[in-house]
Amino acid sequence: MKNQHSTPLHQSLTREVLYAGAEREIFIFACFGSLMVWFAGKDLFAFLLAVTLWTVGITTGRLLAKKDACWTKIYLRHIKLQKFYPAGEKIDNPEAEIKLFKA
């Protein structure tokens, strides 16, 4: 029992990488969305709208990342596989039509 070997798991290997506290997809969407609004208008109103979109997008991304750091990946997988796993009362539900998943 004295010769047991243990390997430490570092947090950098197990945690998701977040940009400004939000997921990568949400961060990029908020960044490019606000930049497009600003470059399309190029006036004070467009700048204020872009800053508002940036703030709301990053704040929402941070809140979602606090709940689950892989939220968008899980949600997109849920939408993609919704037809493959139909909801039903039992496993042998005769009314449920199971469709094969095609990638």
PDB file of N, CA and C in Angstrom:
ATOM      1  N   MET A   1       0.810  -1.196   0.000  1.00  0.00           N
ATOM      2  CA  MET A   1       0.000   0.000   0.000  1.00  0.00           C
ATOM      3  C   MET A   1       0.854   1.260   0.000  1.00  0.00           C
ATOM      4  N   LYS A   2       2.100   1.170   0.394  1.00  0.00           N
ATOM      5  CA  LYS A   2       2.946   2.354   0.440  1.00  0.00           C
ATOM      6  C   LYS A   2       3.394   2.787  -0.952  1.00  0.00           C
ATOM      7  N   ASN A   3       3.391   1.875  -1.908  1.00  0.00           N
ATOM      8  CA  ASN A   3       3.909   2.174  -3.240  1.00  0.00           C
ATOM      9  C   ASN A   3       2.814   2.575  -4.232  1.00  0.00           C
ATOM     10  N   GLN A   4       1.687   3.051  -3.754  1.00  0.00           N
ATOM     11  CA  GLN A   4       0.628   3.477  -4.666  1.00  0.00           C
ATOM     12  C   GLN A   4       1.051   4.742  -5.386  1.00  0.00           C
ATOM     13  N   HIS A   5       0.757   4.768  -6.673  1.00  0.00           N
ATOM     14  CA  HIS A   5       1.119   5.914  -7.489  1.00  0.00           C
ATOM     15  C   HIS A   5      -0.141   6.704  -7.812  1.00  0.00           C
ATOM     16  N   SER A   6      -0.075   8.006  -7.691  1.00  0.00           N
ATOM     17  CA  SER A   6      -1.213   8.851  -8.045  1.00  0.00           C
ATOM     18  C   SER A   6      -0.760   9.901  -9.054  1.00  0.00           C
ATOM     19  N   THR A   7      -1.645  10.189  -9.975  1.00  0.00           N
ATOM     20  CA  THR A   7      -1.363  11.184 -10.997  1.00  0.00           C
ATOM     21  C   THR A   7      -2.277  12.384 -10.765  1.00  0.00           C
ATOM     22  N   PRO A   8      -1.721  13.561 -10.587  1.00  0.00           N
ATOM     23  CA  PRO A   8      -2.588  14.730 -10.375  1.00  0.00           C
ATOM     24  C   PRO A   8      -3.249  15.173 -11.678  1.00  0.00           C
ATOM     25  N   LEU A   9      -4.517  15.552 -11.600  1.00  0.00           N
ATOM     26  CA  LEU A   9      -5.233  16.102 -12.739  1.00  0.00           C
ATOM     27  C   LEU A   9      -5.269  17.616 -12.589  1.00  0.00           C
ATOM     28  N   HIS A  10      -4.622  18.311 -13.479  1.00  0.00           N
ATOM     29  CA  HIS A  10      -4.577  19.758 -13.405  1.00  0.00           C
ATOM     30  C   HIS A  10      -5.856  20.357 -13.983  1.00  0.00           C
ATOM     31  N   GLN A  11      -6.304  21.468 -13.416  1.00  0.00           N
ATOM     32  CA  GLN A  11      -7.530  22.107 -13.879  1.00  0.00           C
ATOM     33  C   GLN A  11      -7.428  22.571 -15.318  1.00  0.00           C
ATOM     34  N   SER A  12      -6.251  22.933 -15.755  1.00  0.00           N
ATOM     35  CA  SER A  12      -6.103  23.414 -17.128  1.00  0.00           C
ATOM     36  C   SER A  12      -6.384  22.311 -18.146  1.00  0.00           C
ATOM     37  N   LEU A  13      -6.319  21.068 -17.743  1.00  0.00           N
ATOM     38  CA  LEU A  13      -6.583  19.955 -18.652  1.00  0.00           C
ATOM     39  C   LEU A  13      -8.041  19.538 -18.658  1.00  0.00           C
ATOM     40  N   THR A  14      -8.815  19.939 -17.664  1.00  0.00           N
ATOM     41  CA  THR A  14     -10.188  19.474 -17.553  1.00  0.00           C
ATOM     42  C   THR A  14     -11.224  20.576 -17.713  1.00  0.00           C
ATOM     43  N   ARG A  15     -10.835  21.839 -17.600  1.00  0.00           N
ATOM     44  CA  ARG A  15     -11.798  22.932 -17.709  1.00  0.00           C
ATOM     45  C   ARG A  15     -11.907  23.416 -19.145  1.00  0.00           C
ATOM     46  N   GLU A  16     -13.070  23.954 -19.470  1.00  0.00           N
ATOM     47  CA  GLU A  16     -13.296  24.527 -20.793  1.00  0.00           C
ATOM     48  C   GLU A  16     -12.576  25.869 -20.905  1.00  0.00           C
ATOM     49  N   VAL A  17     -12.157  26.204 -22.109  1.00  0.00           N
ATOM     50  CA  VAL A  17     -11.504  27.493 -22.355  1.00  0.00           C
ATOM     51  C   VAL A  17     -12.600  28.520 -22.618  1.00  0.00           C
ATOM     52  N   LEU A  18     -12.614  29.588 -21.831  1.00  0.00           N
ATOM     53  CA  LEU A  18     -13.617  30.632 -21.967  1.00  0.00           C
ATOM     54  C   LEU A  18     -12.941  31.931 -22.404  1.00  0.00           C
ATOM     55  N   TYR A  19     -13.602  32.681 -23.261  1.00  0.00           N
ATOM     56  CA  TYR A  19     -13.114  33.976 -23.720  1.00  0.00           C
ATOM     57  C   TYR A  19     -13.968  35.049 -23.055  1.00  0.00           C
ATOM     58  N   ALA A  20     -13.323  35.920 -22.264  1.00  0.00           N
ATOM     59  CA  ALA A  20     -14.015  36.987 -21.519  1.00  0.00           C
ATOM     60  C   ALA A  20     -15.106  36.398 -20.633  1.00  0.00           C
ATOM     61  N   GLY A  21     -14.925  35.175 -20.182  1.00  0.00           N
ATOM     62  CA  GLY A  21     -15.883  34.527 -19.299  1.00  0.00           C
ATOM     63  C   GLY A  21     -17.020  33.833 -20.016  1.00  0.00           C
ATOM     64  N   ALA A  22     -17.060  33.896 -21.355  1.00  0.00           N
ATOM     65  CA  ALA A  22     -18.134  33.278 -22.126  1.00  0.00           C
ATOM     66  C   ALA A  22     -17.553  32.189 -23.022  1.00  0.00           C
ATOM     67  N   GLU A  23     -18.449  31.360 -23.549  1.00  0.00           N
ATOM     68  CA  GLU A  23     -18.004  30.336 -24.487  1.00  0.00           C
ATOM     69  C   GLU A  23     -17.483  30.974 -25.767  1.00  0.00           C
ATOM     70  N   ARG A  24     -16.671  30.240 -26.484  1.00  0.00           N
ATOM     71  CA  ARG A  24     -16.041  30.759 -27.698  1.00  0.00           C
ATOM     72  C   ARG A  24     -17.082  31.168 -28.734  1.00  0.00           C
ATOM     73  N   GLU A  25     -18.103  30.342 -28.969  1.00  0.00           N
ATOM     74  CA  GLU A  25     -19.111  30.622 -29.981  1.00  0.00           C
ATOM     75  C   GLU A  25     -19.914  31.869 -29.632  1.00  0.00           C
ATOM     76  N   ILE A  26     -20.307  31.997 -28.380  1.00  0.00           N
ATOM     77  CA  ILE A  26     -21.086  33.160 -27.955  1.00  0.00           C
ATOM     78  C   ILE A  26     -20.227  34.417 -28.024  1.00  0.00           C
ATOM     79  N   PHE A  27     -18.965  34.310 -27.633  1.00  0.00           N
ATOM     80  CA  PHE A  27     -18.059  35.453 -27.688  1.00  0.00           C
ATOM     81  C   PHE A  27     -17.881  35.942 -29.123  1.00  0.00           C
ATOM     82  N   ILE A  28     -17.641  35.038 -30.053  1.00  0.00           N
ATOM     83  CA  ILE A  28     -17.437  35.409 -31.451  1.00  0.00           C
ATOM     84  C   ILE A  28     -18.721  35.986 -32.041  1.00  0.00           C
ATOM     85  N   PHE A  29     -19.861  35.404 -31.715  1.00  0.00           N
ATOM     86  CA  PHE A  29     -21.139  35.914 -32.213  1.00  0.00           C
ATOM     87  C   PHE A  29     -21.396  37.332 -31.707  1.00  0.00           C
ATOM     88  N   ALA A  30     -21.153  37.578 -30.424  1.00  0.00           N
ATOM     89  CA  ALA A  30     -21.360  38.915 -29.868  1.00  0.00           C
ATOM     90  C   ALA A  30     -20.361  39.911 -30.461  1.00  0.00           C
ATOM     91  N   CYS A  31     -19.124  39.493 -30.625  1.00  0.00           N
ATOM     92  CA  CYS A  31     -18.088  40.384 -31.168  1.00  0.00           C
ATOM     93  C   CYS A  31     -18.389  40.766 -32.613  1.00  0.00           C
ATOM     94  N   PHE A  32     -18.607  39.801 -33.471  1.00  0.00           N
ATOM     95  CA  PHE A  32     -18.860  40.096 -34.875  1.00  0.00           C
ATOM     96  C   PHE A  32     -20.204  40.782 -35.082  1.00  0.00           C
ATOM     97  N   GLY A  33     -21.205  40.423 -34.290  1.00  0.00           N
ATOM     98  CA  GLY A  33     -22.503  41.090 -34.403  1.00  0.00           C
ATOM     99  C   GLY A  33     -22.419  42.565 -34.076  1.00  0.00           C
ATOM    100  N   SER A  34     -21.732  42.882 -32.992  1.00  0.00           N
ATOM    101  CA  SER A  34     -21.606  44.293 -32.620  1.00  0.00           C
ATOM    102  C   SER A  34     -20.719  45.051 -33.609  1.00  0.00           C
ATOM    103  N   LEU A  35     -19.662  44.415 -34.115  1.00  0.00           N
ATOM    104  CA  LEU A  35     -18.821  45.080 -35.117  1.00  0.00           C
ATOM    105  C   LEU A  35     -19.574  45.333 -36.420  1.00  0.00           C
ATOM    106  N   MET A  36     -20.417  44.391 -36.840  1.00  0.00           N
ATOM    107  CA  MET A  36     -21.197  44.598 -38.062  1.00  0.00           C
ATOM    108  C   MET A  36     -22.174  45.754 -37.905  1.00  0.00           C
ATOM    109  N   VAL A  37     -22.824  45.842 -36.736  1.00  0.00           N
ATOM    110  CA  VAL A  37     -23.747  46.950 -36.505  1.00  0.00           C
ATOM    111  C   VAL A  37     -22.995  48.273 -36.525  1.00  0.00           C
ATOM    112  N   TRP A  38     -21.843  48.324 -35.914  1.00  0.00           N
ATOM    113  CA  TRP A  38     -21.082  49.569 -35.856  1.00  0.00           C
ATOM    114  C   TRP A  38     -20.563  49.979 -37.236  1.00  0.00           C
ATOM    115  N   PHE A  39     -19.997  49.030 -37.981  1.00  0.00           N
ATOM    116  CA  PHE A  39     -19.473  49.360 -39.305  1.00  0.00           C
ATOM    117  C   PHE A  39     -20.581  49.682 -40.305  1.00  0.00           C
ATOM    118  N   ALA A  40     -21.784  49.136 -40.108  1.00  0.00           N
ATOM    119  CA  ALA A  40     -22.888  49.425 -41.021  1.00  0.00           C
ATOM    120  C   ALA A  40     -23.391  50.853 -40.844  1.00  0.00           C
ATOM    121  N   GLY A  41     -23.405  51.331 -39.601  1.00  0.00           N
ATOM    122  CA  GLY A  41     -23.936  52.667 -39.356  1.00  0.00           C
ATOM    123  C   GLY A  41     -22.881  53.747 -39.336  1.00  0.00           C
ATOM    124  N   LYS A  42     -21.789  53.498 -38.648  1.00  0.00           N
ATOM    125  CA  LYS A  42     -20.667  54.438 -38.493  1.00  0.00           C
ATOM    126  C   LYS A  42     -21.119  55.821 -37.998  1.00  0.00           C
ATOM    127  N   ASP A  43     -22.018  55.830 -37.037  1.00  0.00           N
ATOM    128  CA  ASP A  43     -22.386  57.073 -36.380  1.00  0.00           C
ATOM    129  C   ASP A  43     -22.543  56.790 -34.881  1.00  0.00           C
ATOM    130  N   LEU A  44     -22.947  57.786 -34.125  1.00  0.00           N
ATOM    131  CA  LEU A  44     -23.026  57.644 -32.675  1.00  0.00           C
ATOM    132  C   LEU A  44     -24.085  56.624 -32.270  1.00  0.00           C
ATOM    133  N   PHE A  45     -25.228  56.644 -32.950  1.00  0.00           N
ATOM    134  CA  PHE A  45     -26.290  55.688 -32.615  1.00  0.00           C
ATOM    135  C   PHE A  45     -25.844  54.250 -32.863  1.00  0.00           C
ATOM    136  N   ALA A  46     -25.180  54.006 -33.980  1.00  0.00           N
ATOM    137  CA  ALA A  46     -24.697  52.656 -34.289  1.00  0.00           C
ATOM    138  C   ALA A  46     -23.644  52.213 -33.279  1.00  0.00           C
ATOM    139  N   PHE A  47     -22.803  53.157 -32.853  1.00  0.00           N
ATOM    140  CA  PHE A  47     -21.788  52.825 -31.849  1.00  0.00           C
ATOM    141  C   PHE A  47     -22.437  52.453 -30.519  1.00  0.00           C
ATOM    142  N   LEU A  48     -23.434  53.230 -30.090  1.00  0.00           N
ATOM    143  CA  LEU A  48     -24.127  52.925 -28.826  1.00  0.00           C
ATOM    144  C   LEU A  48     -24.879  51.600 -28.913  1.00  0.00           C
ATOM    145  N   LEU A  49     -25.486  51.331 -30.052  1.00  0.00           N
ATOM    146  CA  LEU A  49     -26.180  50.055 -30.242  1.00  0.00           C
ATOM    147  C   LEU A  49     -25.189  48.890 -30.236  1.00  0.00           C
ATOM    148  N   ALA A  50     -24.033  49.080 -30.851  1.00  0.00           N
ATOM    149  CA  ALA A  50     -23.007  48.034 -30.877  1.00  0.00           C
ATOM    150  C   ALA A  50     -22.474  47.756 -29.472  1.00  0.00           C
ATOM    151  N   VAL A  51     -22.246  48.804 -28.696  1.00  0.00           N
ATOM    152  CA  VAL A  51     -21.773  48.619 -27.319  1.00  0.00           C
ATOM    153  C   VAL A  51     -22.837  47.908 -26.484  1.00  0.00           C
ATOM    154  N   THR A  52     -24.100  48.246 -26.706  1.00  0.00           N
ATOM    155  CA  THR A  52     -25.193  47.584 -25.985  1.00  0.00           C
ATOM    156  C   THR A  52     -25.265  46.104 -26.360  1.00  0.00           C
ATOM    157  N   LEU A  53     -25.179  45.802 -27.653  1.00  0.00           N
ATOM    158  CA  LEU A  53     -25.203  44.398 -28.086  1.00  0.00           C
ATOM    159  C   LEU A  53     -24.015  43.619 -27.530  1.00  0.00           C
ATOM    160  N   TRP A  54     -22.849  44.236 -27.518  1.00  0.00           N
ATOM    161  CA  TRP A  54     -21.655  43.600 -26.974  1.00  0.00           C
ATOM    162  C   TRP A  54     -21.847  43.293 -25.481  1.00  0.00           C
ATOM    163  N   THR A  55     -22.332  44.282 -24.732  1.00  0.00           N
ATOM    164  CA  THR A  55     -22.513  44.111 -23.290  1.00  0.00           C
ATOM    165  C   THR A  55     -23.549  43.038 -22.985  1.00  0.00           C
ATOM    166  N   VAL A  56     -24.669  43.073 -23.678  1.00  0.00           N
ATOM    167  CA  VAL A  56     -25.726  42.076 -23.447  1.00  0.00           C
ATOM    168  C   VAL A  56     -25.242  40.688 -23.859  1.00  0.00           C
ATOM    169  N   GLY A  57     -24.539  40.593 -24.988  1.00  0.00           N
ATOM    170  CA  GLY A  57     -24.056  39.293 -25.460  1.00  0.00           C
ATOM    171  C   GLY A  57     -23.039  38.669 -24.527  1.00  0.00           C
ATOM    172  N   ILE A  58     -22.076  39.449 -24.077  1.00  0.00           N
ATOM    173  CA  ILE A  58     -21.052  38.909 -23.184  1.00  0.00           C
ATOM    174  C   ILE A  58     -21.628  38.588 -21.815  1.00  0.00           C
ATOM    175  N   THR A  59     -22.545  39.436 -21.327  1.00  0.00           N
ATOM    176  CA  THR A  59     -23.180  39.164 -20.035  1.00  0.00           C
ATOM    177  C   THR A  59     -23.999  37.877 -20.096  1.00  0.00           C
ATOM    178  N   THR A  60     -24.746  37.699 -21.170  1.00  0.00           N
ATOM    179  CA  THR A  60     -25.514  36.460 -21.344  1.00  0.00           C
ATOM    180  C   THR A  60     -24.580  35.261 -21.453  1.00  0.00           C
ATOM    181  N   GLY A  61     -23.505  35.414 -22.197  1.00  0.00           N
ATOM    182  CA  GLY A  61     -22.531  34.321 -22.327  1.00  0.00           C
ATOM    183  C   GLY A  61     -21.894  33.957 -21.004  1.00  0.00           C
ATOM    184  N   ARG A  62     -21.602  34.941 -20.184  1.00  0.00           N
ATOM    185  CA  ARG A  62     -21.028  34.661 -18.864  1.00  0.00           C
ATOM    186  C   ARG A  62     -22.017  33.935 -17.971  1.00  0.00           C
ATOM    187  N   LEU A  63     -23.279  34.370 -18.000  1.00  0.00           N
ATOM    188  CA  LEU A  63     -24.286  33.702 -17.182  1.00  0.00           C
ATOM    189  C   LEU A  63     -24.476  32.250 -17.616  1.00  0.00           C
ATOM    190  N   LEU A  64     -24.497  32.017 -18.933  1.00  0.00           N
ATOM    191  CA  LEU A  64     -24.627  30.643 -19.429  1.00  0.00           C
ATOM    192  C   LEU A  64     -23.399  29.807 -19.083  1.00  0.00           C
ATOM    193  N   ALA A  65     -22.210  30.413 -19.136  1.00  0.00           N
ATOM    194  CA  ALA A  65     -20.985  29.677 -18.816  1.00  0.00           C
ATOM    195  C   ALA A  65     -20.913  29.337 -17.332  1.00  0.00           C
ATOM    196  N   LYS A  66     -21.523  30.153 -16.482  1.00  0.00           N
ATOM    197  CA  LYS A  66     -21.555  29.821 -15.056  1.00  0.00           C
ATOM    198  C   LYS A  66     -22.439  28.610 -14.804  1.00  0.00           C
ATOM    199  N   LYS A  67     -23.526  28.495 -15.565  1.00  0.00           N
ATOM    200  CA  LYS A  67     -24.410  27.333 -15.421  1.00  0.00           C
ATOM    201  C   LYS A  67     -23.772  26.076 -15.996  1.00  0.00           C
ATOM    202  N   ASP A  68     -23.257  26.204 -17.231  1.00  0.00           N
ATOM    203  CA  ASP A  68     -22.622  25.063 -17.896  1.00  0.00           C
ATOM    204  C   ASP A  68     -21.649  25.597 -18.937  1.00  0.00           C
ATOM    205  N   ALA A  69     -20.399  25.211 -18.839  1.00  0.00           N
ATOM    206  CA  ALA A  69     -19.369  25.737 -19.735  1.00  0.00           C
ATOM    207  C   ALA A  69     -19.486  25.182 -21.152  1.00  0.00           C
ATOM    208  N   CYS A  70     -20.275  24.133 -21.358  1.00  0.00           N
ATOM    209  CA  CYS A  70     -20.475  23.544 -22.687  1.00  0.00           C
ATOM    210  C   CYS A  70     -21.909  23.720 -23.162  1.00  0.00           C
ATOM    211  N   TRP A  71     -22.571  24.789 -22.766  1.00  0.00           N
ATOM    212  CA  TRP A  71     -23.997  24.945 -23.001  1.00  0.00           C
ATOM    213  C   TRP A  71     -24.362  24.888 -24.474  1.00  0.00           C
ATOM    214  N   THR A  72     -23.666  25.621 -25.330  1.00  0.00           N
ATOM    215  CA  THR A  72     -24.053  25.657 -26.737  1.00  0.00           C
ATOM    216  C   THR A  72     -23.843  24.307 -27.413  1.00  0.00           C
ATOM    217  N   LYS A  73     -22.780  23.613 -27.070  1.00  0.00           N
ATOM    218  CA  LYS A  73     -22.533  22.305 -27.671  1.00  0.00           C
ATOM    219  C   LYS A  73     -23.623  21.305 -27.272  1.00  0.00           C
ATOM    220  N   ILE A  74     -24.028  21.351 -26.012  1.00  0.00           N
ATOM    221  CA  ILE A  74     -25.073  20.444 -25.525  1.00  0.00           C
ATOM    222  C   ILE A  74     -26.410  20.791 -26.161  1.00  0.00           C
ATOM    223  N   TYR A  75     -26.732  22.079 -26.262  1.00  0.00           N
ATOM    224  CA  TYR A  75     -28.006  22.490 -26.845  1.00  0.00           C
ATOM    225  C   TYR A  75     -28.079  22.122 -28.327  1.00  0.00           C
ATOM    226  N   LEU A  76     -27.001  22.355 -29.075  1.00  0.00           N
ATOM    227  CA  LEU A  76     -27.002  21.999 -30.491  1.00  0.00           C
ATOM    228  C   LEU A  76     -27.106  20.490 -30.688  1.00  0.00           C
ATOM    229  N   ARG A  77     -26.471  19.710 -29.831  1.00  0.00           N
ATOM    230  CA  ARG A  77     -26.590  18.254 -29.897  1.00  0.00           C
ATOM    231  C   ARG A  77     -28.023  17.817 -29.573  1.00  0.00           C
ATOM    232  N   HIS A  78     -28.657  18.484 -28.622  1.00  0.00           N
ATOM    233  CA  HIS A  78     -30.046  18.180 -28.264  1.00  0.00           C
ATOM    234  C   HIS A  78     -30.972  18.434 -29.457  1.00  0.00           C
ATOM    235  N   ILE A  79     -30.790  19.553 -30.142  1.00  0.00           N
ATOM    236  CA  ILE A  79     -31.624  19.873 -31.299  1.00  0.00           C
ATOM    237  C   ILE A  79     -31.357  18.891 -32.439  1.00  0.00           C
ATOM    238  N   LYS A  80     -30.098  18.546 -32.648  1.00  0.00           N
ATOM    239  CA  LYS A  80     -29.718  17.646 -33.743  1.00  0.00           C
ATOM    240  C   LYS A  80     -30.284  16.236 -33.543  1.00  0.00           C
ATOM    241  N   LEU A  81     -30.289  15.741 -32.304  1.00  0.00           N
ATOM    242  CA  LEU A  81     -30.711  14.368 -32.036  1.00  0.00           C
ATOM    243  C   LEU A  81     -32.147  14.261 -31.544  1.00  0.00           C
ATOM    244  N   GLN A  82     -32.925  15.340 -31.640  1.00  0.00           N
ATOM    245  CA  GLN A  82     -34.285  15.321 -31.106  1.00  0.00           C
ATOM    246  C   GLN A  82     -35.172  14.338 -31.869  1.00  0.00           C
ATOM    247  N   LYS A  83     -35.005  14.203 -33.170  1.00  0.00           N
ATOM    248  CA  LYS A  83     -35.813  13.268 -33.950  1.00  0.00           C
ATOM    249  C   LYS A  83     -35.369  11.825 -33.725  1.00  0.00           C
ATOM    250  N   PHE A  84     -34.118  11.637 -33.363  1.00  0.00           N
ATOM    251  CA  PHE A  84     -33.590  10.296 -33.153  1.00  0.00           C
ATOM    252  C   PHE A  84     -34.070   9.710 -31.837  1.00  0.00           C
ATOM    253  N   TYR A  85     -34.251  10.543 -30.806  1.00  0.00           N
ATOM    254  CA  TYR A  85     -34.726  10.104 -29.500  1.00  0.00           C
ATOM    255  C   TYR A  85     -36.079  10.745 -29.221  1.00  0.00           C
ATOM    256  N   PRO A  86     -37.165  10.176 -29.775  1.00  0.00           N
ATOM    257  CA  PRO A  86     -38.476  10.788 -29.569  1.00  0.00           C
ATOM    258  C   PRO A  86     -38.954  10.591 -28.131  1.00  0.00           C
ATOM    259  N   ALA A  87     -39.728  11.555 -27.659  1.00  0.00           N
ATOM    260  CA  ALA A  87     -40.279  11.465 -26.314  1.00  0.00           C
ATOM    261  C   ALA A  87     -41.448  10.485 -26.310  1.00  0.00           C
ATOM    262  N   GLY A  88     -41.543   9.719 -25.259  1.00  0.00           N
ATOM    263  CA  GLY A  88     -42.632   8.768 -25.127  1.00  0.00           C
ATOM    264  C   GLY A  88     -42.793   8.343 -23.688  1.00  0.00           C
ATOM    265  N   GLU A  89     -43.909   7.660 -23.418  1.00  0.00           N
ATOM    266  CA  GLU A  89     -44.168   7.218 -22.053  1.00  0.00           C
ATOM    267  C   GLU A  89     -43.258   6.068 -21.650  1.00  0.00           C
ATOM    268  N   LYS A  90     -43.090   5.112 -22.539  1.00  0.00           N
ATOM    269  CA  LYS A  90     -42.288   3.929 -22.255  1.00  0.00           C
ATOM    270  C   LYS A  90     -41.297   3.707 -23.393  1.00  0.00           C
ATOM    271  N   ILE A  91     -40.396   2.787 -23.161  1.00  0.00           N
ATOM    272  CA  ILE A  91     -39.430   2.447 -24.213  1.00  0.00           C
ATOM    273  C   ILE A  91     -40.134   1.746 -25.366  1.00  0.00           C
ATOM    274  N   ASP A  92     -41.096   0.896 -25.067  1.00  0.00           N
ATOM    275  CA  ASP A  92     -41.799   0.154 -26.114  1.00  0.00           C
ATOM    276  C   ASP A  92     -43.101   0.847 -26.518  1.00  0.00           C
ATOM    277  N   ASN A  93     -43.110   2.145 -26.566  1.00  0.00           N
ATOM    278  CA  ASN A  93     -44.278   2.919 -26.946  1.00  0.00           C
ATOM    279  C   ASN A  93     -44.593   2.655 -28.416  1.00  0.00           C
ATOM    280  N   PRO A  94     -45.766   2.061 -28.739  1.00  0.00           N
ATOM    281  CA  PRO A  94     -46.036   1.712 -30.137  1.00  0.00           C
ATOM    282  C   PRO A  94     -46.305   2.931 -31.025  1.00  0.00           C
ATOM    283  N   GLU A  95     -46.745   4.055 -30.466  1.00  0.00           N
ATOM    284  CA  GLU A  95     -47.045   5.225 -31.284  1.00  0.00           C
ATOM    285  C   GLU A  95     -45.786   5.970 -31.721  1.00  0.00           C
ATOM    286  N   ALA A  96     -44.698   5.795 -30.995  1.00  0.00           N
ATOM    287  CA  ALA A  96     -43.484   6.537 -31.311  1.00  0.00           C
ATOM    288  C   ALA A  96     -42.807   5.929 -32.539  1.00  0.00           C
ATOM    289  N   GLU A  97     -42.555   6.748 -33.536  1.00  0.00           N
ATOM    290  CA  GLU A  97     -41.877   6.296 -34.724  1.00  0.00           C
ATOM    291  C   GLU A  97     -40.412   6.690 -34.613  1.00  0.00           C
ATOM    292  N   ILE A  98     -39.538   5.720 -34.525  1.00  0.00           N
ATOM    293  CA  ILE A  98     -38.120   5.982 -34.360  1.00  0.00           C
ATOM    294  C   ILE A  98     -37.483   6.095 -35.738  1.00  0.00           C
ATOM    295  N   LYS A  99     -36.871   7.250 -35.986  1.00  0.00           N
ATOM    296  CA  LYS A  99     -36.224   7.484 -37.270  1.00  0.00           C
ATOM    297  C   LYS A  99     -34.723   7.303 -37.093  1.00  0.00           C
ATOM    298  N   LEU A 100     -34.096   6.665 -38.032  1.00  0.00           N
ATOM    299  CA  LEU A 100     -32.663   6.434 -37.957  1.00  0.00           C
ATOM    300  C   LEU A 100     -31.926   7.726 -38.177  1.00  0.00           C
ATOM    301  N   PHE A 101     -30.856   7.892 -37.419  1.00  0.00           N
ATOM    302  CA  PHE A 101     -30.033   9.096 -37.481  1.00  0.00           C
ATOM    303  C   PHE A 101     -29.083   9.003 -38.660  1.00  0.00           C
ATOM    304  N   LYS A 102     -29.059  10.056 -39.483  1.00  0.00           N
ATOM    305  CA  LYS A 102     -28.142  10.108 -40.621  1.00  0.00           C
ATOM    306  C   LYS A 102     -27.295  11.351 -40.469  1.00  0.00           C
ATOM    307  N   ALA A 103     -25.999  11.176 -40.435  1.00  0.00           N
ATOM    308  CA  ALA A 103     -25.087  12.312 -40.237  1.00  0.00           C
ATOM    309  C   ALA A 103     -24.920  13.137 -41.462  1.00  0.00           C
TER     310      ALA A 103
END
